[in-house]
């Protein structure tokens, strides 16, 4: 396996894990405290991870299974998913809360 193929496999694996993490958060309505610190709510955190994971998966599938124009379209869809995640569901750090 060459470096390019290995990179695609790793990217696809990471995308799958991120998407599953987002689906799990949506299904359970709970998220780890470390994740919730950076997002306004569970839904935003879940959709952010889900969209990024889906974008990675779409990009990898486009590179592996498609060629020519179809691969370019898949990459454009992946970029669109990332744009939605960054614009709509981006992490927002608020002021640190003081526990008194």
PDB file of N, CA and C in Angstrom:
ATOM      1  N   UNK A   1       0.852  -1.169   0.000  1.00  0.00           N
ATOM      2  CA  UNK A   1       0.000   0.000   0.000  1.00  0.00           C
ATOM      3  C   UNK A   1       0.902   1.238   0.000  1.00  0.00           C
ATOM      4  N   UNK A   2       0.656   2.129  -0.939  1.00  0.00           N
ATOM      5  CA  UNK A   2       1.461   3.344  -1.004  1.00  0.00           C
ATOM      6  C   UNK A   2       0.928   4.408  -0.037  1.00  0.00           C
ATOM      7  N   UNK A   3       1.665   5.490   0.074  1.00  0.00           N
ATOM      8  CA  UNK A   3       1.323   6.532   1.044  1.00  0.00           C
ATOM      9  C   UNK A   3      -0.029   7.180   0.734  1.00  0.00           C
ATOM     10  N   UNK A   4      -0.335   7.385  -0.539  1.00  0.00           N
ATOM     11  CA  UNK A   4      -1.616   7.998  -0.911  1.00  0.00           C
ATOM     12  C   UNK A   4      -2.801   7.136  -0.501  1.00  0.00           C
ATOM     13  N   UNK A   5      -2.697   5.844  -0.745  1.00  0.00           N
ATOM     14  CA  UNK A   5      -3.787   4.938  -0.366  1.00  0.00           C
ATOM     15  C   UNK A   5      -3.923   4.857   1.148  1.00  0.00           C
ATOM     16  N   UNK A   6      -2.801   4.821   1.834  1.00  0.00           N
ATOM     17  CA  UNK A   6      -2.839   4.768   3.298  1.00  0.00           C
ATOM     18  C   UNK A   6      -3.474   6.030   3.865  1.00  0.00           C
ATOM     19  N   UNK A   7      -3.170   7.167   3.273  1.00  0.00           N
ATOM     20  CA  UNK A   7      -3.763   8.423   3.725  1.00  0.00           C
ATOM     21  C   UNK A   7      -5.273   8.416   3.527  1.00  0.00           C
ATOM     22  N   UNK A   8      -5.731   7.905   2.393  1.00  0.00           N
ATOM     23  CA  UNK A   8      -7.172   7.810   2.148  1.00  0.00           C
ATOM     24  C   UNK A   8      -7.854   6.869   3.136  1.00  0.00           C
ATOM     25  N   UNK A   9      -7.210   5.760   3.444  1.00  0.00           N
ATOM     26  CA  UNK A   9      -7.783   4.813   4.410  1.00  0.00           C
ATOM     27  C   UNK A   9      -7.904   5.462   5.786  1.00  0.00           C
ATOM     28  N   UNK A  10      -6.855   6.143   6.203  1.00  0.00           N
ATOM     29  CA  UNK A  10      -6.873   6.824   7.514  1.00  0.00           C
ATOM     30  C   UNK A  10      -7.927   7.927   7.510  1.00  0.00           C
ATOM     31  N   UNK A  11      -7.996   8.712   6.441  1.00  0.00           N
ATOM     32  CA  UNK A  11      -8.992   9.777   6.345  1.00  0.00           C
ATOM     33  C   UNK A  11     -10.405   9.238   6.370  1.00  0.00           C
ATOM     34  N   UNK A  12     -10.638   8.135   5.675  1.00  0.00           N
ATOM     35  CA  UNK A  12     -11.962   7.513   5.693  1.00  0.00           C
ATOM     36  C   UNK A  12     -12.321   6.985   7.067  1.00  0.00           C
ATOM     37  N   UNK A  13     -11.345   6.402   7.750  1.00  0.00           N
ATOM     38  CA  UNK A  13     -11.578   5.908   9.114  1.00  0.00           C
ATOM     39  C   UNK A  13     -11.914   7.028  10.077  1.00  0.00           C
ATOM     40  N   UNK A  14     -11.172   8.122   9.981  1.00  0.00           N
ATOM     41  CA  UNK A  14     -11.439   9.274  10.846  1.00  0.00           C
ATOM     42  C   UNK A  14     -12.816   9.860  10.537  1.00  0.00           C
ATOM     43  N   UNK A  15     -13.146   9.955   9.252  1.00  0.00           N
ATOM     44  CA  UNK A  15     -14.462  10.455   8.867  1.00  0.00           C
ATOM     45  C   UNK A  15     -15.587   9.592   9.404  1.00  0.00           C
ATOM     46  N   UNK A  16     -15.397   8.278   9.321  1.00  0.00           N
ATOM     47  CA  UNK A  16     -16.409   7.363   9.838  1.00  0.00           C
ATOM     48  C   UNK A  16     -16.575   7.519  11.345  1.00  0.00           C
ATOM     49  N   UNK A  17     -15.462   7.627  12.064  1.00  0.00           N
ATOM     50  CA  UNK A  17     -15.535   7.807  13.518  1.00  0.00           C
ATOM     51  C   UNK A  17     -16.211   9.126  13.894  1.00  0.00           C
ATOM     52  N   UNK A  18     -15.873  10.202  13.186  1.00  0.00           N
ATOM     53  CA  UNK A  18     -16.500  11.492  13.473  1.00  0.00           C
ATOM     54  C   UNK A  18     -18.004  11.444  13.206  1.00  0.00           C
ATOM     55  N   UNK A  19     -18.386  10.840  12.083  1.00  0.00           N
ATOM     56  CA  UNK A  19     -19.809  10.754  11.753  1.00  0.00           C
ATOM     57  C   UNK A  19     -20.554   9.913  12.786  1.00  0.00           C
ATOM     58  N   UNK A  20     -19.972   8.797  13.191  1.00  0.00           N
ATOM     59  CA  UNK A  20     -20.619   7.957  14.203  1.00  0.00           C
ATOM     60  C   UNK A  20     -20.708   8.670  15.552  1.00  0.00           C
ATOM     61  N   UNK A  21     -19.685   9.432  15.892  1.00  0.00           N
ATOM     62  CA  UNK A  21     -19.698  10.214  17.130  1.00  0.00           C
ATOM     63  C   UNK A  21     -20.838  11.231  17.092  1.00  0.00           C
ATOM     64  N   UNK A  22     -21.016  11.900  15.945  1.00  0.00           N
ATOM     65  CA  UNK A  22     -22.108  12.860  15.799  1.00  0.00           C
ATOM     66  C   UNK A  22     -23.465  12.198  15.880  1.00  0.00           C
ATOM     67  N   UNK A  23     -23.606  11.038  15.231  1.00  0.00           N
ATOM     68  CA  UNK A  23     -24.876  10.311  15.282  1.00  0.00           C
ATOM     69  C   UNK A  23     -25.178   9.859  16.705  1.00  0.00           C
ATOM     70  N   UNK A  24     -24.156   9.399  17.419  1.00  0.00           N
ATOM     71  CA  UNK A  24     -24.350   8.957  18.806  1.00  0.00           C
ATOM     72  C   UNK A  24     -24.830  10.115  19.686  1.00  0.00           C
ATOM     73  N   UNK A  25     -24.227  11.289  19.498  1.00  0.00           N
ATOM     74  CA  UNK A  25     -24.647  12.446  20.283  1.00  0.00           C
ATOM     75  C   UNK A  25     -26.085  12.841  19.948  1.00  0.00           C
ATOM     76  N   UNK A  26     -26.441  12.789  18.670  1.00  0.00           N
ATOM     77  CA  UNK A  26     -27.821  13.112  18.286  1.00  0.00           C
ATOM     78  C   UNK A  26     -28.809  12.102  18.856  1.00  0.00           C
ATOM     79  N   UNK A  27     -28.440  10.823  18.824  1.00  0.00           N
ATOM     80  CA  UNK A  27     -29.353   9.778  19.283  1.00  0.00           C
ATOM     81  C   UNK A  27     -29.544   9.805  20.792  1.00  0.00           C
ATOM     82  N   UNK A  28     -28.459  10.042  21.533  1.00  0.00           N
ATOM     83  CA  UNK A  28     -28.555  10.002  22.989  1.00  0.00           C
ATOM     84  C   UNK A  28     -28.886  11.354  23.612  1.00  0.00           C
ATOM     85  N   UNK A  29     -28.588  12.434  22.898  1.00  0.00           N
ATOM     86  CA  UNK A  29     -28.812  13.759  23.460  1.00  0.00           C
ATOM     87  C   UNK A  29     -27.767  14.145  24.490  1.00  0.00           C
ATOM     88  N   UNK A  30     -26.674  13.396  24.533  1.00  0.00           N
ATOM     89  CA  UNK A  30     -25.596  13.679  25.493  1.00  0.00           C
ATOM     90  C   UNK A  30     -24.282  13.776  24.741  1.00  0.00           C
ATOM     91  N   UNK A  31     -23.363  14.556  25.313  1.00  0.00           N
ATOM     92  CA  UNK A  31     -22.030  14.698  24.735  1.00  0.00           C
ATOM     93  C   UNK A  31     -21.025  14.821  25.871  1.00  0.00           C
ATOM     94  N   UNK A  32     -19.778  14.459  25.623  1.00  0.00           N
ATOM     95  CA  UNK A  32     -18.759  14.618  26.663  1.00  0.00           C
ATOM     96  C   UNK A  32     -18.612  16.085  27.065  1.00  0.00           C
ATOM     97  N   UNK A  33     -18.269  16.304  28.310  1.00  0.00           N
ATOM     98  CA  UNK A  33     -18.118  17.673  28.821  1.00  0.00           C
ATOM     99  C   UNK A  33     -17.049  18.432  28.042  1.00  0.00           C
ATOM    100  N   UNK A  34     -15.988  17.743  27.645  1.00  0.00           N
ATOM    101  CA  UNK A  34     -14.920  18.417  26.899  1.00  0.00           C
ATOM    102  C   UNK A  34     -15.414  18.909  25.544  1.00  0.00           C
ATOM    103  N   UNK A  35     -16.369  18.227  24.965  1.00  0.00           N
ATOM    104  CA  UNK A  35     -16.942  18.658  23.694  1.00  0.00           C
ATOM    105  C   UNK A  35     -17.935  19.787  23.913  1.00  0.00           C
ATOM    106  N   UNK A  36     -18.751  19.681  24.935  1.00  0.00           N
ATOM    107  CA  UNK A  36     -19.775  20.693  25.186  1.00  0.00           C
ATOM    108  C   UNK A  36     -19.206  22.040  25.601  1.00  0.00           C
ATOM    109  N   UNK A  37     -17.988  22.049  26.107  1.00  0.00           N
ATOM    110  CA  UNK A  37     -17.378  23.324  26.489  1.00  0.00           C
ATOM    111  C   UNK A  37     -17.256  24.270  25.302  1.00  0.00           C
ATOM    112  N   UNK A  38     -17.141  23.725  24.108  1.00  0.00           N
ATOM    113  CA  UNK A  38     -16.893  24.544  22.926  1.00  0.00           C
ATOM    114  C   UNK A  38     -18.126  24.790  22.067  1.00  0.00           C
ATOM    115  N   UNK A  39     -19.255  24.245  22.455  1.00  0.00           N
ATOM    116  CA  UNK A  39     -20.460  24.378  21.651  1.00  0.00           C
ATOM    117  C   UNK A  39     -21.606  24.858  22.515  1.00  0.00           C
ATOM    118  N   UNK A  40     -22.575  25.570  21.918  1.00  0.00           N
ATOM    119  CA  UNK A  40     -23.720  26.041  22.694  1.00  0.00           C
ATOM    120  C   UNK A  40     -24.626  24.921  23.183  1.00  0.00           C
ATOM    121  N   UNK A  41     -24.654  23.808  22.472  1.00  0.00           N
ATOM    122  CA  UNK A  41     -25.520  22.705  22.877  1.00  0.00           C
ATOM    123  C   UNK A  41     -25.105  21.405  22.233  1.00  0.00           C
ATOM    124  N   UNK A  42     -25.781  20.341  22.631  1.00  0.00           N
ATOM    125  CA  UNK A  42     -25.459  19.008  22.119  1.00  0.00           C
ATOM    126  C   UNK A  42     -25.750  18.915  20.625  1.00  0.00           C
ATOM    127  N   UNK A  43     -26.870  19.475  20.198  1.00  0.00           N
ATOM    128  CA  UNK A  43     -27.242  19.386  18.783  1.00  0.00           C
ATOM    129  C   UNK A  43     -26.193  20.034  17.888  1.00  0.00           C
ATOM    130  N   UNK A  44     -25.701  21.213  18.267  1.00  0.00           N
ATOM    131  CA  UNK A  44     -24.664  21.881  17.473  1.00  0.00           C
ATOM    132  C   UNK A  44     -23.388  21.056  17.426  1.00  0.00           C
ATOM    133  N   UNK A  45     -22.989  20.504  18.550  1.00  0.00           N
ATOM    134  CA  UNK A  45     -21.786  19.670  18.588  1.00  0.00           C
ATOM    135  C   UNK A  45     -21.954  18.430  17.723  1.00  0.00           C
ATOM    136  N   UNK A  46     -23.118  17.813  17.808  1.00  0.00           N
ATOM    137  CA  UNK A  46     -23.367  16.592  17.049  1.00  0.00           C
ATOM    138  C   UNK A  46     -23.363  16.861  15.551  1.00  0.00           C
ATOM    139  N   UNK A  47     -24.046  17.897  15.127  1.00  0.00           N
ATOM    140  CA  UNK A  47     -24.102  18.188  13.695  1.00  0.00           C
ATOM    141  C   UNK A  47     -22.757  18.648  13.151  1.00  0.00           C
ATOM    142  N   UNK A  48     -21.979  19.353  13.937  1.00  0.00           N
ATOM    143  CA  UNK A  48     -20.635  19.755  13.524  1.00  0.00           C
ATOM    144  C   UNK A  48     -19.783  18.514  13.241  1.00  0.00           C
ATOM    145  N   UNK A  49     -19.772  17.574  14.165  1.00  0.00           N
ATOM    146  CA  UNK A  49     -18.982  16.360  13.984  1.00  0.00           C
ATOM    147  C   UNK A  49     -19.535  15.495  12.850  1.00  0.00           C
ATOM    148  N   UNK A  50     -20.846  15.401  12.774  1.00  0.00           N
ATOM    149  CA  UNK A  50     -21.471  14.600  11.725  1.00  0.00           C
ATOM    150  C   UNK A  50     -21.153  15.157  10.339  1.00  0.00           C
ATOM    151  N   UNK A  51     -21.251  16.470  10.171  1.00  0.00           N
ATOM    152  CA  UNK A  51     -20.967  17.066   8.865  1.00  0.00           C
ATOM    153  C   UNK A  51     -19.496  16.930   8.483  1.00  0.00           C
ATOM    154  N   UNK A  52     -18.592  17.126   9.434  1.00  0.00           N
ATOM    155  CA  UNK A  52     -17.170  16.958   9.129  1.00  0.00           C
ATOM    156  C   UNK A  52     -16.858  15.507   8.777  1.00  0.00           C
ATOM    157  N   UNK A  53     -17.427  14.565   9.513  1.00  0.00           N
ATOM    158  CA  UNK A  53     -17.206  13.158   9.211  1.00  0.00           C
ATOM    159  C   UNK A  53     -17.758  12.782   7.856  1.00  0.00           C
ATOM    160  N   UNK A  54     -18.963  13.267   7.551  1.00  0.00           N
ATOM    161  CA  UNK A  54     -19.567  12.985   6.248  1.00  0.00           C
ATOM    162  C   UNK A  54     -18.736  13.595   5.123  1.00  0.00           C
ATOM    163  N   UNK A  55     -18.200  14.788   5.351  1.00  0.00           N
ATOM    164  CA  UNK A  55     -17.360  15.419   4.334  1.00  0.00           C
ATOM    165  C   UNK A  55     -16.104  14.589   4.060  1.00  0.00           C
ATOM    166  N   UNK A  56     -15.481  14.093   5.097  1.00  0.00           N
ATOM    167  CA  UNK A  56     -14.299  13.244   4.899  1.00  0.00           C
ATOM    168  C   UNK A  56     -14.660  11.972   4.144  1.00  0.00           C
ATOM    169  N   UNK A  57     -15.763  11.362   4.516  1.00  0.00           N
ATOM    170  CA  UNK A  57     -16.191  10.142   3.821  1.00  0.00           C
ATOM    171  C   UNK A  57     -16.517  10.410   2.355  1.00  0.00           C
ATOM    172  N   UNK A  58     -17.212  11.489   2.076  1.00  0.00           N
ATOM    173  CA  UNK A  58     -17.553  11.833   0.694  1.00  0.00           C
ATOM    174  C   UNK A  58     -16.284  12.088  -0.118  1.00  0.00           C
ATOM    175  N   UNK A  59     -15.340  12.794   0.472  1.00  0.00           N
ATOM    176  CA  UNK A  59     -14.097  13.078  -0.236  1.00  0.00           C
ATOM    177  C   UNK A  59     -13.333  11.797  -0.546  1.00  0.00           C
ATOM    178  N   UNK A  60     -13.229  10.899   0.426  1.00  0.00           N
ATOM    179  CA  UNK A  60     -12.505   9.642   0.216  1.00  0.00           C
ATOM    180  C   UNK A  60     -13.202   8.785  -0.831  1.00  0.00           C
ATOM    181  N   UNK A  61     -14.518   8.668  -0.746  1.00  0.00           N
ATOM    182  CA  UNK A  61     -15.256   7.887  -1.743  1.00  0.00           C
ATOM    183  C   UNK A  61     -15.068   8.498  -3.131  1.00  0.00           C
ATOM    184  N   UNK A  62     -15.102   9.817  -3.216  1.00  0.00           N
ATOM    185  CA  UNK A  62     -14.897  10.486  -4.493  1.00  0.00           C
ATOM    186  C   UNK A  62     -13.524  10.215  -5.073  1.00  0.00           C
ATOM    187  N   UNK A  63     -12.516  10.165  -4.226  1.00  0.00           N
ATOM    188  CA  UNK A  63     -11.161   9.917  -4.706  1.00  0.00           C
ATOM    189  C   UNK A  63     -10.928   8.467  -5.085  1.00  0.00           C
ATOM    190  N   UNK A  64     -11.545   7.553  -4.357  1.00  0.00           N
ATOM    191  CA  UNK A  64     -11.301   6.126  -4.586  1.00  0.00           C
ATOM    192  C   UNK A  64     -12.173   5.567  -5.710  1.00  0.00           C
ATOM    193  N   UNK A  65     -13.459   5.876  -5.698  1.00  0.00           N
ATOM    194  CA  UNK A  65     -14.391   5.230  -6.617  1.00  0.00           C
ATOM    195  C   UNK A  65     -14.714   6.041  -7.865  1.00  0.00           C
ATOM    196  N   UNK A  66     -14.516   7.334  -7.825  1.00  0.00           N
ATOM    197  CA  UNK A  66     -14.914   8.182  -8.937  1.00  0.00           C
ATOM    198  C   UNK A  66     -13.683   8.659  -9.708  1.00  0.00           C
ATOM    199  N   UNK A  67     -13.934   9.163 -10.897  1.00  0.00           N
ATOM    200  CA  UNK A  67     -12.865   9.730 -11.711  1.00  0.00           C
ATOM    201  C   UNK A  67     -13.415  10.937 -12.470  1.00  0.00           C
ATOM    202  N   UNK A  68     -12.546  11.823 -12.836  1.00  0.00           N
ATOM    203  CA  UNK A  68     -12.923  12.977 -13.651  1.00  0.00           C
ATOM    204  C   UNK A  68     -13.897  13.910 -12.977  1.00  0.00           C
ATOM    205  N   UNK A  69     -14.953  14.223 -13.702  1.00  0.00           N
ATOM    206  CA  UNK A  69     -15.937  15.193 -13.227  1.00  0.00           C
ATOM    207  C   UNK A  69     -16.661  14.710 -11.976  1.00  0.00           C
ATOM    208  N   UNK A  70     -16.937  13.418 -11.895  1.00  0.00           N
ATOM    209  CA  UNK A  70     -17.633  12.889 -10.715  1.00  0.00           C
ATOM    210  C   UNK A  70     -16.805  13.103  -9.451  1.00  0.00           C
ATOM    211  N   UNK A  71     -15.504  12.923  -9.549  1.00  0.00           N
ATOM    212  CA  UNK A  71     -14.635  13.158  -8.386  1.00  0.00           C
ATOM    213  C   UNK A  71     -14.642  14.632  -7.996  1.00  0.00           C
ATOM    214  N   UNK A  72     -14.648  15.511  -8.978  1.00  0.00           N
ATOM    215  CA  UNK A  72     -14.699  16.941  -8.681  1.00  0.00           C
ATOM    216  C   UNK A  72     -16.014  17.324  -8.006  1.00  0.00           C
ATOM    217  N   UNK A  73     -17.102  16.730  -8.456  1.00  0.00           N
ATOM    218  CA  UNK A  73     -18.401  17.002  -7.841  1.00  0.00           C
ATOM    219  C   UNK A  73     -18.415  16.512  -6.400  1.00  0.00           C
ATOM    220  N   UNK A  74     -17.871  15.327  -6.162  1.00  0.00           N
ATOM    221  CA  UNK A  74     -17.807  14.789  -4.792  1.00  0.00           C
ATOM    222  C   UNK A  74     -16.966  15.702  -3.897  1.00  0.00           C
ATOM    223  N   UNK A  75     -15.856  16.207  -4.413  1.00  0.00           N
ATOM    224  CA  UNK A  75     -15.029  17.128  -3.631  1.00  0.00           C
ATOM    225  C   UNK A  75     -15.775  18.425  -3.345  1.00  0.00           C
ATOM    226  N   UNK A  76     -16.540  18.905  -4.323  1.00  0.00           N
ATOM    227  CA  UNK A  76     -17.329  20.124  -4.103  1.00  0.00           C
ATOM    228  C   UNK A  76     -18.395  19.896  -3.029  1.00  0.00           C
ATOM    229  N   UNK A  77     -19.017  18.723  -3.029  1.00  0.00           N
ATOM    230  CA  UNK A  77     -20.003  18.393  -1.993  1.00  0.00           C
ATOM    231  C   UNK A  77     -19.324  18.346  -0.624  1.00  0.00           C
ATOM    232  N   UNK A  78     -18.134  17.771  -0.562  1.00  0.00           N
ATOM    233  CA  UNK A  78     -17.400  17.711   0.704  1.00  0.00           C
ATOM    234  C   UNK A  78     -17.061  19.112   1.206  1.00  0.00           C
ATOM    235  N   UNK A  79     -16.647  19.979   0.312  1.00  0.00           N
ATOM    236  CA  UNK A  79     -16.333  21.357   0.703  1.00  0.00           C
ATOM    237  C   UNK A  79     -17.593  22.076   1.174  1.00  0.00           C
ATOM    238  N   UNK A  80     -18.709  21.812   0.525  1.00  0.00           N
ATOM    239  CA  UNK A  80     -19.977  22.410   0.946  1.00  0.00           C
ATOM    240  C   UNK A  80     -20.374  21.949   2.349  1.00  0.00           C
ATOM    241  N   UNK A  81     -20.206  20.667   2.639  1.00  0.00           N
ATOM    242  CA  UNK A  81     -20.513  20.147   3.980  1.00  0.00           C
ATOM    243  C   UNK A  81     -19.633  20.801   5.043  1.00  0.00           C
ATOM    244  N   UNK A  82     -18.353  20.953   4.744  1.00  0.00           N
ATOM    245  CA  UNK A  82     -17.443  21.607   5.694  1.00  0.00           C
ATOM    246  C   UNK A  82     -17.838  23.068   5.886  1.00  0.00           C
ATOM    247  N   UNK A  83     -18.221  23.742   4.794  1.00  0.00           N
ATOM    248  CA  UNK A  83     -18.635  25.141   4.904  1.00  0.00           C
ATOM    249  C   UNK A  83     -19.860  25.278   5.798  1.00  0.00           C
ATOM    250  N   UNK A  84     -20.828  24.401   5.626  1.00  0.00           N
ATOM    251  CA  UNK A  84     -22.029  24.448   6.481  1.00  0.00           C
ATOM    252  C   UNK A  84     -21.648  24.207   7.941  1.00  0.00           C
ATOM    253  N   UNK A  85     -20.774  23.233   8.178  1.00  0.00           N
ATOM    254  CA  UNK A  85     -20.352  22.939   9.548  1.00  0.00           C
ATOM    255  C   UNK A  85     -19.642  24.138  10.170  1.00  0.00           C
ATOM    256  N   UNK A  86     -18.769  24.784   9.413  1.00  0.00           N
ATOM    257  CA  UNK A  86     -18.004  25.906   9.967  1.00  0.00           C
ATOM    258  C   UNK A  86     -18.844  27.162  10.143  1.00  0.00           C
ATOM    259  N   UNK A  87     -19.784  27.383   9.241  1.00  0.00           N
ATOM    260  CA  UNK A  87     -20.586  28.608   9.330  1.00  0.00           C
ATOM    261  C   UNK A  87     -21.727  28.459  10.327  1.00  0.00           C
ATOM    262  N   UNK A  88     -22.442  27.354  10.257  1.00  0.00           N
ATOM    263  CA  UNK A  88     -23.647  27.205  11.083  1.00  0.00           C
ATOM    264  C   UNK A  88     -23.381  26.610  12.465  1.00  0.00           C
ATOM    265  N   UNK A  89     -22.494  25.613  12.539  1.00  0.00           N
ATOM    266  CA  UNK A  89     -22.329  24.861  13.785  1.00  0.00           C
ATOM    267  C   UNK A  89     -20.935  24.987  14.388  1.00  0.00           C
ATOM    268  N   UNK A  90     -20.204  26.028  14.061  1.00  0.00           N
ATOM    269  CA  UNK A  90     -18.822  26.156  14.526  1.00  0.00           C
ATOM    270  C   UNK A  90     -18.757  26.222  16.056  1.00  0.00           C
ATOM    271  N   UNK A  91     -17.630  25.811  16.599  1.00  0.00           N
ATOM    272  CA  UNK A  91     -17.452  25.927  18.056  1.00  0.00           C
ATOM    273  C   UNK A  91     -17.450  27.399  18.458  1.00  0.00           C
ATOM    274  N   UNK A  92     -18.098  27.678  19.556  1.00  0.00           N
ATOM    275  CA  UNK A  92     -18.135  29.045  20.079  1.00  0.00           C
ATOM    276  C   UNK A  92     -17.722  29.007  21.537  1.00  0.00           C
ATOM    277  N   UNK A  93     -16.630  29.607  21.796  1.00  0.00           N
ATOM    278  CA  UNK A  93     -16.172  29.677  23.182  1.00  0.00           C
ATOM    279  C   UNK A  93     -16.774  30.904  23.837  1.00  0.00           C
ATOM    280  N   UNK A  94     -17.435  30.677  24.919  1.00  0.00           N
ATOM    281  CA  UNK A  94     -17.980  31.790  25.680  1.00  0.00           C
ATOM    282  C   UNK A  94     -17.012  32.183  26.782  1.00  0.00           C
ATOM    283  N   UNK A  95     -17.464  33.058  27.621  1.00  0.00           N
ATOM    284  CA  UNK A  95     -16.642  33.441  28.764  1.00  0.00           C
ATOM    285  C   UNK A  95     -16.526  32.261  29.721  1.00  0.00           C
ATOM    286  N   UNK A  96     -15.368  32.061  30.279  1.00  0.00           N
ATOM    287  CA  UNK A  96     -15.262  30.981  31.264  1.00  0.00           C
ATOM    288  C   UNK A  96     -16.169  31.263  32.454  1.00  0.00           C
ATOM    289  N   UNK A  97     -16.852  30.235  32.895  1.00  0.00           N
ATOM    290  CA  UNK A  97     -17.742  30.375  34.050  1.00  0.00           C
ATOM    291  C   UNK A  97     -16.958  30.247  35.327  1.00  0.00           C
ATOM    292  N   UNK A  98     -17.298  31.126  36.255  1.00  0.00           N
ATOM    293  CA  UNK A  98     -16.653  31.038  37.561  1.00  0.00           C
ATOM    294  C   UNK A  98     -17.552  30.254  38.496  1.00  0.00           C
ATOM    295  N   UNK A  99     -17.024  29.201  39.061  1.00  0.00           N
ATOM    296  CA  UNK A  99     -17.776  28.420  40.036  1.00  0.00           C
ATOM    297  C   UNK A  99     -17.532  28.991  41.417  1.00  0.00           C
ATOM    298  N   UNK A 100     -18.572  29.554  42.010  1.00  0.00           N
ATOM    299  CA  UNK A 100     -18.404  30.132  43.356  1.00  0.00           C
ATOM    300  C   UNK A 100     -19.356  29.488  44.318  1.00  0.00           C
TER     301      UNK A 100
END
